[in-house]
PDB file of N, CA and C in Angstrom:
ATOM      1  N   MET A   1    -115.480 -76.953  74.801  1.00  0.00           N
ATOM      2  CA  MET A   1    -114.305 -76.165  74.709  1.00  0.00           C
ATOM      3  C   MET A   1    -113.870 -75.868  76.105  1.00  0.00           C
ATOM      4  N   GLU A   2    -112.563 -75.792  76.299  1.00  0.00           N
ATOM      5  CA  GLU A   2    -111.921 -75.386  77.565  1.00  0.00           C
ATOM      6  C   GLU A   2    -111.804 -73.874  77.687  1.00  0.00           C
ATOM      7  N   TYR A   3    -112.055 -73.602  78.893  1.00  0.00           N
ATOM      8  CA  TYR A   3    -111.930 -72.093  79.254  1.00  0.00           C
ATOM      9  C   TYR A   3    -111.110 -71.974  80.560  1.00  0.00           C
ATOM     10  N   MET A   4    -110.249 -70.919  80.592  1.00  0.00           N
ATOM     11  CA  MET A   4    -109.511 -70.563  81.921  1.00  0.00           C
ATOM     12  C   MET A   4    -110.333 -69.461  82.514  1.00  0.00           C
ATOM     13  N   PHE A   5    -110.555 -69.657  83.775  1.00  0.00           N
ATOM     14  CA  PHE A   5    -110.964 -68.604  84.579  1.00  0.00           C
ATOM     15  C   PHE A   5    -109.990 -68.142  85.285  1.00  0.00           C
ATOM     16  N   PHE A   6    -109.658 -66.724  85.097  1.00  0.00           N
ATOM     17  CA  PHE A   6    -108.704 -66.050  86.107  1.00  0.00           C
ATOM     18  C   PHE A   6    -109.595 -65.534  87.232  1.00  0.00           C
ATOM     19  N   VAL A   7    -109.330 -65.990  88.392  1.00  0.00           N
ATOM     20  CA  VAL A   7    -110.171 -65.502  89.571  1.00  0.00           C
ATOM     21  C   VAL A   7    -109.295 -64.282  90.050  1.00  0.00           C
ATOM     22  N   CYS A   8    -109.806 -63.071  90.010  1.00  0.00           N
ATOM     23  CA  CYS A   8    -109.057 -61.838  90.294  1.00  0.00           C
ATOM     24  C   CYS A   8    -109.724 -61.093  91.470  1.00  0.00           C
ATOM     25  N   THR A   9    -108.771 -60.378  92.227  1.00  0.00           N
ATOM     26  CA  THR A   9    -109.233 -59.499  93.229  1.00  0.00           C
ATOM     27  C   THR A   9    -109.849 -58.275  92.438  1.00  0.00           C
ATOM     28  N   ASP A  10    -110.640 -57.460  93.232  1.00  0.00           N
ATOM     29  CA  ASP A  10    -111.104 -56.202  92.791  1.00  0.00           C
ATOM     30  C   ASP A  10    -111.334 -55.301  94.002  1.00  0.00           C
ATOM     31  N   PRO A  11    -110.521 -54.218  94.120  1.00  0.00           N
ATOM     32  CA  PRO A  11    -110.720 -53.314  95.070  1.00  0.00           C
ATOM     33  C   PRO A  11    -112.139 -52.521  95.128  1.00  0.00           C
ATOM     34  N   THR A  12    -112.719 -52.517  94.097  1.00  0.00           N
ATOM     35  CA  THR A  12    -113.948 -51.864  94.049  1.00  0.00           C
ATOM     36  C   THR A  12    -115.263 -52.704  94.266  1.00  0.00           C
ATOM     37  N   ALA A  13    -114.836 -54.043  94.485  1.00  0.00           N
ATOM     38  CA  ALA A  13    -115.950 -55.009  94.755  1.00  0.00           C
ATOM     39  C   ALA A  13    -116.477 -54.787  96.184  1.00  0.00           C
ATOM     40  N   PRO A  14    -117.686 -55.392  96.483  1.00  0.00           N
ATOM     41  CA  PRO A  14    -118.201 -55.362  97.854  1.00  0.00           C
ATOM     42  C   PRO A  14    -117.248 -56.130  98.760  1.00  0.00           C
ATOM     43  N   PRO A  15    -117.171 -55.816 100.037  1.00  0.00           N
ATOM     44  CA  PRO A  15    -116.439 -56.448 100.945  1.00  0.00           C
ATOM     45  C   PRO A  15    -116.543 -57.967 101.084  1.00  0.00           C
ATOM     46  N   TYR A  16    -115.634 -58.638 101.247  1.00  0.00           N
ATOM     47  CA  TYR A  16    -115.708 -60.205 101.369  1.00  0.00           C
ATOM     48  C   TYR A  16    -116.446 -60.463 102.499  1.00  0.00           C
ATOM     49  N   VAL A  17    -117.365 -61.357 102.433  1.00  0.00           N
ATOM     50  CA  VAL A  17    -118.282 -61.967 103.579  1.00  0.00           C
ATOM     51  C   VAL A  17    -118.086 -63.495 103.579  1.00  0.00           C
ATOM     52  N   ALA A  18    -117.253 -63.945 104.533  1.00  0.00           N
ATOM     53  CA  ALA A  18    -117.040 -65.374 104.619  1.00  0.00           C
ATOM     54  C   ALA A  18    -118.227 -66.241 104.488  1.00  0.00           C
ATOM     55  N   ALA A  19    -119.255 -65.938 105.176  1.00  0.00           N
ATOM     56  CA  ALA A  19    -120.492 -66.602 105.197  1.00  0.00           C
ATOM     57  C   ALA A  19    -121.142 -66.735 103.801  1.00  0.00           C
ATOM     58  N   GLU A  20    -120.805 -65.899 102.851  1.00  0.00           N
ATOM     59  CA  GLU A  20    -121.317 -65.934 101.550  1.00  0.00           C
ATOM     60  C   GLU A  20    -120.363 -66.625 100.608  1.00  0.00           C
ATOM     61  N   ASP A  21    -119.306 -67.040 100.896  1.00  0.00           N
ATOM     62  CA  ASP A  21    -118.297 -67.622 100.162  1.00  0.00           C
ATOM     63  C   ASP A  21    -118.774 -69.216  99.940  1.00  0.00           C
ATOM     64  N   ASN A  22    -119.292 -69.575  98.919  1.00  0.00           N
ATOM     65  CA  ASN A  22    -119.797 -71.021  98.703  1.00  0.00           C
ATOM     66  C   ASN A  22    -118.810 -71.758  97.735  1.00  0.00           C
ATOM     67  N   ILE A  23    -117.555 -71.386  97.668  1.00  0.00           N
ATOM     68  CA  ILE A  23    -116.715 -72.088  96.891  1.00  0.00           C
ATOM     69  C   ILE A  23    -116.745 -73.619  96.801  1.00  0.00           C
ATOM     70  N   GLU A  24    -116.832 -74.172  97.963  1.00  0.00           N
ATOM     71  CA  GLU A  24    -116.933 -75.773  98.009  1.00  0.00           C
ATOM     72  C   GLU A  24    -118.165 -76.078  97.185  1.00  0.00           C
ATOM     73  N   GLU A  25    -119.346 -75.425  97.534  1.00  0.00           N
ATOM     74  CA  GLU A  25    -120.577 -75.863  96.836  1.00  0.00           C
ATOM     75  C   GLU A  25    -120.462 -75.480  95.223  1.00  0.00           C
ATOM     76  N   TRP A  26    -119.856 -74.409  94.785  1.00  0.00           N
ATOM     77  CA  TRP A  26    -119.578 -74.189  93.376  1.00  0.00           C
ATOM     78  C   TRP A  26    -118.623 -75.324  92.856  1.00  0.00           C
ATOM     79  N   SER A  27    -117.590 -75.637  93.528  1.00  0.00           N
ATOM     80  CA  SER A  27    -116.664 -76.589  93.064  1.00  0.00           C
ATOM     81  C   SER A  27    -117.283 -78.028  92.987  1.00  0.00           C
ATOM     82  N   GLN A  28    -118.087 -78.378  93.860  1.00  0.00           N
ATOM     83  CA  GLN A  28    -118.789 -79.655  93.805  1.00  0.00           C
ATOM     84  C   GLN A  28    -119.749 -79.716  92.707  1.00  0.00           C
ATOM     85  N   GLU A  29    -120.440 -78.607  92.287  1.00  0.00           N
ATOM     86  CA  GLU A  29    -121.424 -78.563  91.363  1.00  0.00           C
ATOM     87  C   GLU A  29    -120.772 -78.706  89.997  1.00  0.00           C
ATOM     88  N   VAL A  30    -119.673 -78.104  89.677  1.00  0.00           N
ATOM     89  CA  VAL A  30    -118.968 -78.032  88.315  1.00  0.00           C
ATOM     90  C   VAL A  30    -118.338 -79.308  88.199  1.00  0.00           C
ATOM     91  N   THR A  31    -117.674 -79.867  89.316  1.00  0.00           N
ATOM     92  CA  THR A  31    -117.061 -81.320  89.236  1.00  0.00           C
ATOM     93  C   THR A  31    -118.211 -82.219  89.021  1.00  0.00           C
ATOM     94  N   ALA A  32    -119.340 -82.206  89.601  1.00  0.00           N
ATOM     95  CA  ALA A  32    -120.305 -83.243  89.368  1.00  0.00           C
ATOM     96  C   ALA A  32    -120.842 -83.242  88.032  1.00  0.00           C
ATOM     97  N   LYS A  33    -120.913 -82.032  87.278  1.00  0.00           N
ATOM     98  CA  LYS A  33    -121.357 -82.073  85.972  1.00  0.00           C
ATOM     99  C   LYS A  33    -120.171 -82.371  84.938  1.00  0.00           C
ATOM    100  N   GLY A  34    -119.052 -82.772  85.538  1.00  0.00           N
ATOM    101  CA  GLY A  34    -117.861 -83.068  84.569  1.00  0.00           C
ATOM    102  C   GLY A  34    -117.134 -81.942  83.860  1.00  0.00           C
ATOM    103  N   MET A  35    -117.475 -80.757  84.480  1.00  0.00           N
ATOM    104  CA  MET A  35    -117.009 -79.428  83.694  1.00  0.00           C
ATOM    105  C   MET A  35    -115.423 -79.061  84.303  1.00  0.00           C
ATOM    106  N   HIS A  36    -115.347 -79.318  85.634  1.00  0.00           N
ATOM    107  CA  HIS A  36    -114.210 -78.683  86.179  1.00  0.00           C
ATOM    108  C   HIS A  36    -112.956 -79.744  86.010  1.00  0.00           C
ATOM    109  N   LYS A  37    -112.024 -79.135  85.247  1.00  0.00           N
ATOM    110  CA  LYS A  37    -110.806 -79.882  84.964  1.00  0.00           C
ATOM    111  C   LYS A  37    -109.609 -79.808  86.061  1.00  0.00           C
ATOM    112  N   MET A  38    -109.516 -78.615  86.514  1.00  0.00           N
ATOM    113  CA  MET A  38    -108.477 -78.169  87.612  1.00  0.00           C
ATOM    114  C   MET A  38    -108.704 -76.865  88.070  1.00  0.00           C
ATOM    115  N   GLY A  39    -108.147 -76.572  89.202  1.00  0.00           N
ATOM    116  CA  GLY A  39    -108.203 -75.186  89.647  1.00  0.00           C
ATOM    117  C   GLY A  39    -107.471 -75.059  91.032  1.00  0.00           C
ATOM    118  N   GLU A  40    -106.844 -73.789  91.330  1.00  0.00           N
ATOM    119  CA  GLU A  40    -106.173 -73.731  92.545  1.00  0.00           C
ATOM    120  C   GLU A  40    -106.151 -72.361  92.926  1.00  0.00           C
ATOM    121  N   ARG A  41    -105.930 -72.145  94.164  1.00  0.00           N
ATOM    122  CA  ARG A  41    -105.597 -70.699  94.622  1.00  0.00           C
ATOM    123  C   ARG A  41    -104.172 -70.481  94.316  1.00  0.00           C
ATOM    124  N   LEU A  42    -103.825 -69.290  94.189  1.00  0.00           N
ATOM    125  CA  LEU A  42    -102.507 -68.824  94.007  1.00  0.00           C
ATOM    126  C   LEU A  42    -101.813 -68.107  95.281  1.00  0.00           C
ATOM    127  N   ARG A  43    -100.490 -68.262  95.462  1.00  0.00           N
ATOM    128  CA  ARG A  43     -99.919 -67.576  96.605  1.00  0.00           C
ATOM    129  C   ARG A  43    -100.080 -66.120  96.345  1.00  0.00           C
ATOM    130  N   PRO A  44     -99.836 -65.159  97.314  1.00  0.00           N
ATOM    131  CA  PRO A  44    -100.041 -63.845  97.109  1.00  0.00           C
ATOM    132  C   PRO A  44     -98.964 -63.221  96.115  1.00  0.00           C
ATOM    133  N   ILE A  45     -99.170 -61.943  95.699  1.00  0.00           N
ATOM    134  CA  ILE A  45     -98.309 -61.354  94.632  1.00  0.00           C
ATOM    135  C   ILE A  45     -96.872 -61.144  95.312  1.00  0.00           C
ATOM    136  N   SER A  46     -96.832 -61.130  96.597  1.00  0.00           N
ATOM    137  CA  SER A  46     -95.496 -60.915  97.191  1.00  0.00           C
ATOM    138  C   SER A  46     -94.640 -62.187  96.903  1.00  0.00           C
ATOM    139  N   ASP A  47     -95.237 -63.180  96.571  1.00  0.00           N
ATOM    140  CA  ASP A  47     -94.505 -64.512  96.250  1.00  0.00           C
ATOM    141  C   ASP A  47     -94.160 -64.738  94.790  1.00  0.00           C
ATOM    142  N   ALA A  48     -94.726 -63.654  93.883  1.00  0.00           N
ATOM    143  CA  ALA A  48     -94.540 -63.814  92.498  1.00  0.00           C
ATOM    144  C   ALA A  48     -93.216 -63.464  92.009  1.00  0.00           C
ATOM    145  N   THR A  49     -92.689 -64.037  90.907  1.00  0.00           N
ATOM    146  CA  THR A  49     -91.424 -63.761  90.279  1.00  0.00           C
ATOM    147  C   THR A  49     -91.898 -63.647  88.637  1.00  0.00           C
ATOM    148  N   THR A  50     -91.317 -62.609  88.042  1.00  0.00           N
ATOM    149  CA  THR A  50     -91.451 -62.377  86.677  1.00  0.00           C
ATOM    150  C   THR A  50     -90.220 -62.508  85.837  1.00  0.00           C
ATOM    151  N   VAL A  51     -90.254 -63.244  84.834  1.00  0.00           N
ATOM    152  CA  VAL A  51     -89.110 -63.547  84.052  1.00  0.00           C
ATOM    153  C   VAL A  51     -89.235 -63.073  82.668  1.00  0.00           C
ATOM    154  N   THR A  52     -88.209 -62.163  82.160  1.00  0.00           N
ATOM    155  CA  THR A  52     -88.218 -61.566  80.907  1.00  0.00           C
ATOM    156  C   THR A  52     -86.899 -61.975  80.274  1.00  0.00           C
ATOM    157  N   VAL A  53     -86.745 -62.114  78.941  1.00  0.00           N
ATOM    158  CA  VAL A  53     -85.421 -62.228  78.149  1.00  0.00           C
ATOM    159  C   VAL A  53     -85.424 -61.037  77.148  1.00  0.00           C
ATOM    160  N   ARG A  54     -84.469 -60.148  77.223  1.00  0.00           N
ATOM    161  CA  ARG A  54     -84.250 -59.129  76.366  1.00  0.00           C
ATOM    162  C   ARG A  54     -82.908 -59.075  75.977  1.00  0.00           C
ATOM    163  N   ASN A  55     -82.646 -59.010  74.675  1.00  0.00           N
ATOM    164  CA  ASN A  55     -81.216 -59.055  74.043  1.00  0.00           C
ATOM    165  C   ASN A  55     -80.347 -60.025  74.532  1.00  0.00           C
ATOM    166  N   GLY A  56     -81.115 -61.291  74.684  1.00  0.00           N
ATOM    167  CA  GLY A  56     -80.409 -62.486  75.177  1.00  0.00           C
ATOM    168  C   GLY A  56     -80.059 -62.609  76.647  1.00  0.00           C
ATOM    169  N   LYS A  57     -80.504 -61.629  77.480  1.00  0.00           N
ATOM    170  CA  LYS A  57     -80.332 -61.500  78.920  1.00  0.00           C
ATOM    171  C   LYS A  57     -81.530 -61.888  79.665  1.00  0.00           C
ATOM    172  N   THR A  58     -81.535 -62.863  80.606  1.00  0.00           N
ATOM    173  CA  THR A  58     -82.605 -63.168  81.364  1.00  0.00           C
ATOM    174  C   THR A  58     -82.865 -62.295  82.439  1.00  0.00           C
ATOM    175  N   ASN A  59     -83.910 -61.556  82.672  1.00  0.00           N
ATOM    176  CA  ASN A  59     -84.163 -60.642  83.837  1.00  0.00           C
ATOM    177  C   ASN A  59     -85.184 -61.308  84.696  1.00  0.00           C
ATOM    178  N   ILE A  60     -85.075 -61.098  86.111  1.00  0.00           N
ATOM    179  CA  ILE A  60     -85.910 -61.609  86.875  1.00  0.00           C
ATOM    180  C   ILE A  60     -86.217 -60.538  88.077  1.00  0.00           C
ATOM    181  N   THR A  61     -87.481 -60.284  88.205  1.00  0.00           N
ATOM    182  CA  THR A  61     -87.988 -59.333  89.136  1.00  0.00           C
ATOM    183  C   THR A  61     -88.953 -59.823  90.062  1.00  0.00           C
ATOM    184  N   ASP A  62     -89.028 -59.410  91.271  1.00  0.00           N
ATOM    185  CA  ASP A  62     -90.014 -59.774  92.193  1.00  0.00           C
ATOM    186  C   ASP A  62     -91.295 -59.168  91.848  1.00  0.00           C
ATOM    187  N   GLY A  63     -92.325 -59.814  92.199  1.00  0.00           N
ATOM    188  CA  GLY A  63     -93.778 -59.395  92.062  1.00  0.00           C
ATOM    189  C   GLY A  63     -94.381 -59.675  90.609  1.00  0.00           C
ATOM    190  N   PRO A  64     -95.553 -59.125  90.500  1.00  0.00           N
ATOM    191  CA  PRO A  64     -96.256 -59.425  89.205  1.00  0.00           C
ATOM    192  C   PRO A  64     -95.679 -58.708  88.003  1.00  0.00           C
ATOM    193  N   PHE A  65     -96.213 -58.973  86.943  1.00  0.00           N
ATOM    194  CA  PHE A  65     -95.659 -58.342  85.780  1.00  0.00           C
ATOM    195  C   PHE A  65     -96.134 -56.796  85.658  1.00  0.00           C
ATOM    196  N   ALA A  66     -97.114 -56.481  86.348  1.00  0.00           N
ATOM    197  CA  ALA A  66     -97.687 -55.009  86.373  1.00  0.00           C
ATOM    198  C   ALA A  66     -97.976 -54.551  87.684  1.00  0.00           C
ATOM    199  N   GLU A  67     -97.870 -53.275  87.903  1.00  0.00           N
ATOM    200  CA  GLU A  67     -98.240 -52.660  89.100  1.00  0.00           C
ATOM    201  C   GLU A  67     -99.785 -52.442  88.936  1.00  0.00           C
ATOM    202  N   THR A  68    -100.533 -53.112  89.852  1.00  0.00           N
ATOM    203  CA  THR A  68    -101.870 -52.991  89.901  1.00  0.00           C
ATOM    204  C   THR A  68    -102.450 -53.147  91.198  1.00  0.00           C
ATOM    205  N   LYS A  69    -103.683 -52.649  91.420  1.00  0.00           N
ATOM    206  CA  LYS A  69    -104.249 -53.130  92.772  1.00  0.00           C
ATOM    207  C   LYS A  69    -105.029 -54.420  92.738  1.00  0.00           C
ATOM    208  N   GLU A  70    -105.395 -54.761  91.494  1.00  0.00           N
ATOM    209  CA  GLU A  70    -106.049 -56.079  91.226  1.00  0.00           C
ATOM    210  C   GLU A  70    -104.962 -57.061  90.967  1.00  0.00           C
ATOM    211  N   TRP A  71    -105.045 -58.398  91.234  1.00  0.00           N
ATOM    212  CA  TRP A  71    -104.255 -59.472  91.087  1.00  0.00           C
ATOM    213  C   TRP A  71    -105.055 -60.785  90.769  1.00  0.00           C
ATOM    214  N   ILE A  72    -104.272 -61.713  90.350  1.00  0.00           N
ATOM    215  CA  ILE A  72    -104.788 -63.014  90.034  1.00  0.00           C
ATOM    216  C   ILE A  72    -104.655 -63.906  91.305  1.00  0.00           C
ATOM    217  N   ALA A  73    -105.792 -64.181  91.894  1.00  0.00           N
ATOM    218  CA  ALA A  73    -105.726 -64.961  93.148  1.00  0.00           C
ATOM    219  C   ALA A  73    -105.929 -66.428  92.990  1.00  0.00           C
ATOM    220  N   GLY A  74    -106.380 -66.886  91.818  1.00  0.00           N
ATOM    221  CA  GLY A  74    -106.310 -68.353  91.494  1.00  0.00           C
ATOM    222  C   GLY A  74    -106.841 -68.503  90.073  1.00  0.00           C
ATOM    223  N   PHE A  75    -107.257 -69.802  89.783  1.00  0.00           N
ATOM    224  CA  PHE A  75    -107.660 -70.120  88.372  1.00  0.00           C
ATOM    225  C   PHE A  75    -108.496 -71.425  88.440  1.00  0.00           C
ATOM    226  N   ASP A  76    -109.270 -71.513  87.485  1.00  0.00           N
ATOM    227  CA  ASP A  76    -109.929 -72.739  87.230  1.00  0.00           C
ATOM    228  C   ASP A  76    -109.973 -73.018  85.719  1.00  0.00           C
ATOM    229  N   VAL A  77    -109.823 -74.278  85.382  1.00  0.00           N
ATOM    230  CA  VAL A  77    -109.967 -74.582  83.915  1.00  0.00           C
ATOM    231  C   VAL A  77    -111.321 -75.528  83.885  1.00  0.00           C
ATOM    232  N   ILE A  78    -112.231 -74.988  82.896  1.00  0.00           N
ATOM    233  CA  ILE A  78    -113.490 -75.419  82.928  1.00  0.00           C
ATOM    234  C   ILE A  78    -113.732 -75.898  81.597  1.00  0.00           C
ATOM    235  N   ASP A  79    -114.582 -76.989  81.247  1.00  0.00           N
ATOM    236  CA  ASP A  79    -114.898 -77.495  79.947  1.00  0.00           C
ATOM    237  C   ASP A  79    -116.459 -77.104  79.794  1.00  0.00           C
ATOM    238  N   CYS A  80    -116.757 -76.369  78.980  1.00  0.00           N
ATOM    239  CA  CYS A  80    -118.219 -75.878  78.593  1.00  0.00           C
ATOM    240  C   CYS A  80    -118.564 -76.015  77.175  1.00  0.00           C
ATOM    241  N   ALA A  81    -119.830 -76.067  76.921  1.00  0.00           N
ATOM    242  CA  ALA A  81    -120.124 -76.215  75.567  1.00  0.00           C
ATOM    243  C   ALA A  81    -119.758 -74.991  74.787  1.00  0.00           C
ATOM    244  N   ASP A  82    -119.961 -73.906  75.356  1.00  0.00           N
ATOM    245  CA  ASP A  82    -119.827 -72.598  74.707  1.00  0.00           C
ATOM    246  C   ASP A  82    -119.604 -71.420  75.648  1.00  0.00           C
ATOM    247  N   LEU A  83    -119.358 -70.195  75.313  1.00  0.00           N
ATOM    248  CA  LEU A  83    -119.043 -69.127  76.092  1.00  0.00           C
ATOM    249  C   LEU A  83    -120.178 -68.681  76.939  1.00  0.00           C
ATOM    250  N   ASP A  84    -121.416 -68.883  76.396  1.00  0.00           N
ATOM    251  CA  ASP A  84    -122.645 -68.702  77.223  1.00  0.00           C
ATOM    252  C   ASP A  84    -122.658 -69.545  78.444  1.00  0.00           C
ATOM    253  N   GLU A  85    -122.396 -70.847  78.384  1.00  0.00           N
ATOM    254  CA  GLU A  85    -122.410 -71.680  79.522  1.00  0.00           C
ATOM    255  C   GLU A  85    -121.228 -71.323  80.382  1.00  0.00           C
ATOM    256  N   ALA A  86    -119.982 -70.952  79.870  1.00  0.00           N
ATOM    257  CA  ALA A  86    -119.011 -70.514  80.701  1.00  0.00           C
ATOM    258  C   ALA A  86    -119.241 -69.293  81.498  1.00  0.00           C
ATOM    259  N   ILE A  87    -119.944 -68.335  80.944  1.00  0.00           N
ATOM    260  CA  ILE A  87    -120.544 -67.159  81.585  1.00  0.00           C
ATOM    261  C   ILE A  87    -121.366 -67.661  82.686  1.00  0.00           C
ATOM    262  N   ASP A  88    -122.279 -68.578  82.596  1.00  0.00           N
ATOM    263  CA  ASP A  88    -123.260 -69.007  83.459  1.00  0.00           C
ATOM    264  C   ASP A  88    -122.538 -69.488  84.662  1.00  0.00           C
ATOM    265  N   VAL A  89    -121.489 -70.391  84.386  1.00  0.00           N
ATOM    266  CA  VAL A  89    -120.597 -71.091  85.350  1.00  0.00           C
ATOM    267  C   VAL A  89    -119.917 -69.983  86.259  1.00  0.00           C
ATOM    268  N   ALA A  90    -119.215 -69.108  85.506  1.00  0.00           N
ATOM    269  CA  ALA A  90    -118.475 -68.109  86.195  1.00  0.00           C
ATOM    270  C   ALA A  90    -119.411 -67.161  87.026  1.00  0.00           C
ATOM    271  N   SER A  91    -120.579 -66.910  86.629  1.00  0.00           N
ATOM    272  CA  SER A  91    -121.527 -65.972  87.379  1.00  0.00           C
ATOM    273  C   SER A  91    -121.799 -66.530  88.718  1.00  0.00           C
ATOM    274  N   ARG A  92    -121.722 -67.905  88.896  1.00  0.00           N
ATOM    275  CA  ARG A  92    -121.952 -68.632  90.161  1.00  0.00           C
ATOM    276  C   ARG A  92    -120.682 -68.560  91.095  1.00  0.00           C
ATOM    277  N   HIS A  93    -119.606 -68.458  90.579  1.00  0.00           N
ATOM    278  CA  HIS A  93    -118.271 -68.462  91.293  1.00  0.00           C
ATOM    279  C   HIS A  93    -118.406 -67.382  92.312  1.00  0.00           C
ATOM    280  N   PRO A  94    -118.013 -67.627  93.725  1.00  0.00           N
ATOM    281  CA  PRO A  94    -118.204 -66.665  94.706  1.00  0.00           C
ATOM    282  C   PRO A  94    -117.262 -65.323  94.381  1.00  0.00           C
ATOM    283  N   MET A  95    -116.151 -65.529  93.648  1.00  0.00           N
ATOM    284  CA  MET A  95    -115.363 -64.380  93.403  1.00  0.00           C
ATOM    285  C   MET A  95    -115.898 -63.493  92.329  1.00  0.00           C
ATOM    286  N   ALA A  96    -117.002 -63.846  91.619  1.00  0.00           N
ATOM    287  CA  ALA A  96    -117.721 -63.070  90.784  1.00  0.00           C
ATOM    288  C   ALA A  96    -118.382 -61.932  91.612  1.00  0.00           C
ATOM    289  N   LYS A  97    -118.583 -62.224  92.832  1.00  0.00           N
ATOM    290  CA  LYS A  97    -119.263 -61.278  93.758  1.00  0.00           C
ATOM    291  C   LYS A  97    -118.247 -60.394  94.559  1.00  0.00           C
ATOM    292  N   PHE A  98    -117.168 -61.113  95.002  1.00  0.00           N
ATOM    293  CA  PHE A  98    -116.179 -60.284  95.846  1.00  0.00           C
ATOM    294  C   PHE A  98    -114.974 -59.924  95.101  1.00  0.00           C
ATOM    295  N   GLY A  99    -114.775 -60.258  93.729  1.00  0.00           N
ATOM    296  CA  GLY A  99    -113.742 -59.911  92.916  1.00  0.00           C
ATOM    297  C   GLY A  99    -114.248 -59.842  91.502  1.00  0.00           C
ATOM    298  N   LYS A 100    -113.583 -60.618  90.534  1.00  0.00           N
ATOM    299  CA  LYS A 100    -114.110 -60.671  89.126  1.00  0.00           C
ATOM    300  C   LYS A 100    -113.422 -62.024  88.585  1.00  0.00           C
ATOM    301  N   ILE A 101    -114.181 -62.463  87.589  1.00  0.00           N
ATOM    302  CA  ILE A 101    -113.607 -63.717  86.806  1.00  0.00           C
ATOM    303  C   ILE A 101    -113.316 -63.314  85.418  1.00  0.00           C
ATOM    304  N   GLU A 102    -112.220 -63.453  84.955  1.00  0.00           N
ATOM    305  CA  GLU A 102    -111.872 -63.202  83.498  1.00  0.00           C
ATOM    306  C   GLU A 102    -111.936 -64.655  82.868  1.00  0.00           C
ATOM    307  N   ILE A 103    -112.722 -64.706  81.734  1.00  0.00           N
ATOM    308  CA  ILE A 103    -112.833 -65.931  80.966  1.00  0.00           C
ATOM    309  C   ILE A 103    -112.169 -65.837  79.692  1.00  0.00           C
ATOM    310  N   ARG A 104    -111.264 -66.888  79.490  1.00  0.00           N
ATOM    311  CA  ARG A 104    -110.515 -66.865  78.262  1.00  0.00           C
ATOM    312  C   ARG A 104    -110.550 -68.321  77.773  1.00  0.00           C
ATOM    313  N   PRO A 105    -111.024 -68.401  76.309  1.00  0.00           N
ATOM    314  CA  PRO A 105    -110.933 -69.696  75.737  1.00  0.00           C
ATOM    315  C   PRO A 105    -109.504 -70.129  75.545  1.00  0.00           C
ATOM    316  N   PHE A 106    -109.284 -71.460  75.597  1.00  0.00           N
ATOM    317  CA  PHE A 106    -107.882 -72.016  75.245  1.00  0.00           C
ATOM    318  C   PHE A 106    -107.547 -71.806  73.561  1.00  0.00           C
ATOM    319  N   TRP A 107    -106.503 -71.686  73.338  1.00  0.00           N
ATOM    320  CA  TRP A 107    -106.046 -71.542  71.949  1.00  0.00           C
ATOM    321  C   TRP A 107    -105.144 -72.611  71.662  1.00  0.00           C
ATOM    322  N   PRO A 108    -105.490 -73.754  71.385  1.00  0.00           N
ATOM    323  CA  PRO A 108    -104.578 -74.951  71.045  1.00  0.00           C
ATOM    324  C   PRO A 108    -103.613 -74.642  69.925  1.00  0.00           C
ATOM    325  N   LEU A 109    -102.346 -75.135  70.213  1.00  0.00           N
ATOM    326  CA  LEU A 109    -101.153 -74.951  69.392  1.00  0.00           C
ATOM    327  C   LEU A 109    -101.409 -75.675  68.116  1.00  0.00           C
ATOM    328  N   GLY A 110    -102.189 -76.873  68.210  1.00  0.00           N
ATOM    329  CA  GLY A 110    -102.165 -77.696  66.928  1.00  0.00           C
ATOM    330  C   GLY A 110    -103.345 -77.571  66.014  1.00  0.00           C
TER     331      GLY A 110
END
């Protein structure tokens, strides 16, 4: 099953320590196991644009969809056997320590 990991900042998390950021090691591990489908960092929220359509009118606003101190910093698409395995993989992602990882299963259209 495919899962989306939303890699999020968290102002209540311990401070970021570059020496403890093992993202390359994590990425190599999940790629070697054939789990990692894709992933990227995202530009900061100052580069975000939100689009809504209301009453037939397209509205465009700068920034994220909600005012929050937390924001999505990146994502990964992981193929795991089940949620337990996805939780295990997410727990080893460095942002689980310096931020948080939200896990969501894909919901195929077909």
